[in-house]
Amino acid sequence: MVDVGGFVANAGQMLTSFIEQSQRVISITYKPKEMEFRQMAFTTAIGMLLLGVIGFVITLVSFVYR
């Protein structure tokens, strides 16, 4: 027989722990300043562009060697 009460108590304890940890993380986060946001957006855009170029070059090479 399965101990359902123990499972429910453990799930409740895990949920409480998760909520406490989430609150701790949220309390130390902050809204980035405009310059910091622009720098992150620019860096992300450069990375996405680089990945796209690499994928395009691989596709071109694969068509050449067919």
Protein backbone atom coordinates (compact mmCIF):
# COMPACT_ATOMS: atom_id res chain seq x y z
CA MET A 1 0.00 0.00 0.00
CA VAL A 2 1.24 3.48 -0.85
CA ASP A 3 1.51 6.12 1.89
CA VAL A 4 -0.41 8.96 0.23
CA GLY A 5 -0.24 11.21 3.30
CA GLY A 6 3.56 11.12 3.32
CA PHE A 7 3.67 11.90 -0.38
CA VAL A 8 1.34 14.88 0.00
CA ALA A 9 3.32 16.22 2.96
CA ASN A 10 6.58 15.84 1.02
CA ALA A 11 5.10 17.56 -2.04
CA GLY A 12 3.87 20.43 0.14
CA GLN A 13 7.31 20.78 1.71
CA MET A 14 8.97 20.79 -1.73
CA LEU A 15 6.52 23.44 -2.98
CA THR A 16 7.18 25.62 0.07
CA SER A 17 10.93 25.29 -0.44
CA PHE A 18 10.60 26.20 -4.13
CA ILE A 19 8.54 29.29 -3.32
CA GLU A 20 11.08 30.46 -0.72
CA GLN A 21 13.97 30.00 -3.16
CA SER A 22 12.03 31.81 -5.91
CA GLN A 23 11.33 34.76 -3.61
CA ARG A 24 15.03 34.97 -2.75
CA VAL A 25 15.99 35.12 -6.43
CA ILE A 26 13.32 37.69 -7.27
CA SER A 27 14.38 39.92 -4.38
CA ILE A 28 17.94 40.30 -5.75
CA THR A 29 16.97 40.94 -9.37
CA TYR A 30 16.66 44.44 -10.76
CA LYS A 31 15.53 46.18 -13.93
CA PRO A 32 18.59 46.86 -16.07
CA LYS A 33 19.57 50.42 -16.91
CA GLU A 34 19.09 51.51 -20.51
CA MET A 35 22.79 51.25 -21.39
CA GLU A 36 23.07 47.79 -19.86
CA PHE A 37 19.96 46.66 -21.75
CA ARG A 38 21.30 48.01 -25.05
CA GLN A 39 24.61 46.22 -24.51
CA MET A 40 22.87 42.90 -23.78
CA ALA A 41 20.58 43.32 -26.80
CA PHE A 42 23.52 44.18 -29.07
CA THR A 43 25.56 41.22 -27.84
CA THR A 44 22.61 38.87 -28.33
CA ALA A 45 22.00 40.21 -31.84
CA ILE A 46 25.66 39.72 -32.77
CA GLY A 47 25.53 36.13 -31.50
CA MET A 48 22.35 35.33 -33.42
CA LEU A 49 23.77 36.88 -36.58
CA LEU A 50 26.97 34.88 -36.18
CA LEU A 51 25.04 31.62 -35.74
CA GLY A 52 22.92 32.43 -38.80
CA VAL A 53 26.00 33.11 -40.93
CA ILE A 54 27.63 29.87 -39.78
CA GLY A 55 24.47 27.93 -40.63
CA PHE A 56 24.24 29.62 -44.04
CA VAL A 57 27.88 28.81 -44.85
CA ILE A 58 27.39 25.17 -43.82
CA THR A 59 24.30 24.98 -46.07
CA LEU A 60 26.22 26.46 -49.01
CA VAL A 61 29.10 24.05 -48.52
CA SER A 62 26.72 21.11 -48.34
CA PHE A 63 25.12 22.13 -51.66
CA VAL A 64 28.54 22.39 -53.31
CA TYR A 65 29.56 18.89 -52.23
CA ARG A 66 26.34 17.11 -53.27
